[in-house]
Protein backbone atom coordinates (compact mmCIF):
# COMPACT_ATOMS: atom_id res chain seq x y z
CA MET A 1 -136.25 92.94 46.85
CA LYS A 2 -138.93 92.57 44.19
CA ILE A 3 -141.85 90.27 44.59
CA ILE A 4 -144.47 89.24 42.04
CA SER A 5 -147.73 88.01 43.47
CA SER A 6 -151.02 86.71 41.90
CA VAL A 7 -154.27 85.86 43.25
CA GLU A 8 -157.68 84.86 41.96
CA LEU A 9 -160.75 86.98 42.83
CA THR A 10 -164.35 86.34 43.42
CA LYS A 11 -165.69 89.81 43.37
CA GLY A 12 -164.09 91.27 40.24
CA TYR A 13 -161.02 93.46 39.42
CA ALA A 14 -162.87 96.89 39.97
CA HIS A 15 -163.88 95.86 43.58
CA TRP A 16 -160.39 94.47 44.47
CA ARG A 17 -158.59 97.49 42.89
CA ASN A 18 -160.71 99.94 44.86
CA LEU A 19 -159.89 98.26 48.25
CA PHE A 20 -156.16 97.70 47.05
CA ASP A 21 -155.83 101.47 46.39
CA SER A 22 -157.47 102.41 49.81
CA ASN A 23 -154.87 100.29 51.52
CA ASN A 24 -151.84 102.52 50.67
CA ALA A 25 -151.13 103.79 54.16
CA LEU A 26 -150.70 100.25 55.40
CA ARG A 27 -148.31 99.48 52.53
CA GLU A 28 -146.35 102.53 53.32
CA GLU A 29 -146.20 101.75 56.97
CA HIS A 30 -144.41 98.34 56.02
CA GLY A 31 -142.17 99.87 53.34
CA VAL A 32 -143.87 98.37 50.34
CA LYS A 33 -143.61 100.16 47.04
CA VAL A 34 -145.93 99.15 44.29
CA LEU A 35 -144.25 98.81 40.93
CA ALA A 36 -147.33 97.37 38.77
CA VAL A 37 -150.69 96.01 39.39
CA GLY A 38 -153.12 94.60 36.77
CA HIS A 39 -155.09 91.49 35.73
CA ASP A 40 -154.58 89.00 32.77
CA LYS A 41 -155.90 90.28 29.50
CA ASP A 42 -158.58 87.74 29.31
CA ASN A 43 -159.35 87.10 32.88
CA GLU A 44 -160.35 89.98 35.25
CA ASN A 45 -160.41 87.46 38.05
CA LYS A 46 -156.77 86.83 38.30
CA VAL A 47 -154.71 89.90 39.47
CA TRP A 48 -150.89 90.27 39.51
CA THR A 49 -148.79 92.77 41.54
CA CYS A 50 -145.15 93.60 41.43
CA ILE A 51 -143.82 95.24 44.48
CA GLU A 52 -140.44 96.12 46.24
CA VAL A 53 -139.95 95.62 49.90
CA GLU A 54 -136.83 95.44 52.17
CA SER A 55 -137.35 91.69 52.81
CA MET A 56 -139.87 88.77 52.17
CA GLU A 57 -140.22 88.33 55.98
CA LYS A 58 -141.34 92.02 56.33
CA MET A 59 -143.78 91.49 53.48
CA MET A 60 -145.24 88.24 54.81
CA ALA A 61 -145.72 89.82 58.40
CA MET A 62 -147.85 92.59 56.64
CA ALA A 63 -149.72 90.03 54.55
CA ASN A 64 -150.48 87.71 57.48
CA SER A 65 -151.48 90.44 59.79
CA PRO A 66 -155.14 90.09 60.78
CA GLY A 67 -156.08 93.49 59.28
CA MET A 68 -154.70 92.59 55.98
CA ILE A 69 -156.15 89.22 55.87
CA LYS A 70 -159.67 90.64 56.47
CA LEU A 71 -159.06 93.42 53.90
CA ARG A 72 -157.89 90.82 51.28
CA GLU A 73 -161.05 88.65 51.99
CA GLU A 74 -163.36 91.60 51.85
CA ALA A 75 -161.64 92.38 48.49
CA GLY A 76 -162.60 88.99 47.24
CA ALA A 77 -159.17 87.46 47.19
CA LYS A 78 -159.14 83.59 47.13
CA LEU A 79 -156.25 83.29 49.56
CA ASP A 80 -155.69 79.70 48.89
CA THR A 81 -154.84 80.79 45.40
CA GLN A 82 -152.17 83.49 46.25
CA THR A 83 -148.76 82.96 45.23
CA TRP A 84 -145.65 85.09 46.04
CA VAL A 85 -142.25 84.86 44.06
CA ALA A 86 -139.24 86.85 45.17
CA LEU A 87 -137.08 87.89 42.16
CA VAL A 88 -133.40 87.37 42.52
CA GLU A 89 -131.51 90.30 40.71
């Protein structure tokens, strides 16, 4: 299953990307494959990711784990702006 996610940032893209990249081990542990990541052309404070996972449930279990929530907050993600869209193929 492919999922597109977006979130607004408070600490800028470079800071967020550094922490995102450092989190690869947790993503691998949960079977998350990153297909694409980036920001809007005119807004570095809104990032988009496209990932592939076994299921939305598995993805949300990782996203809602205390360690992942803490990491996303440290990265400057405004959690109340995050959206997740599962693509149907």
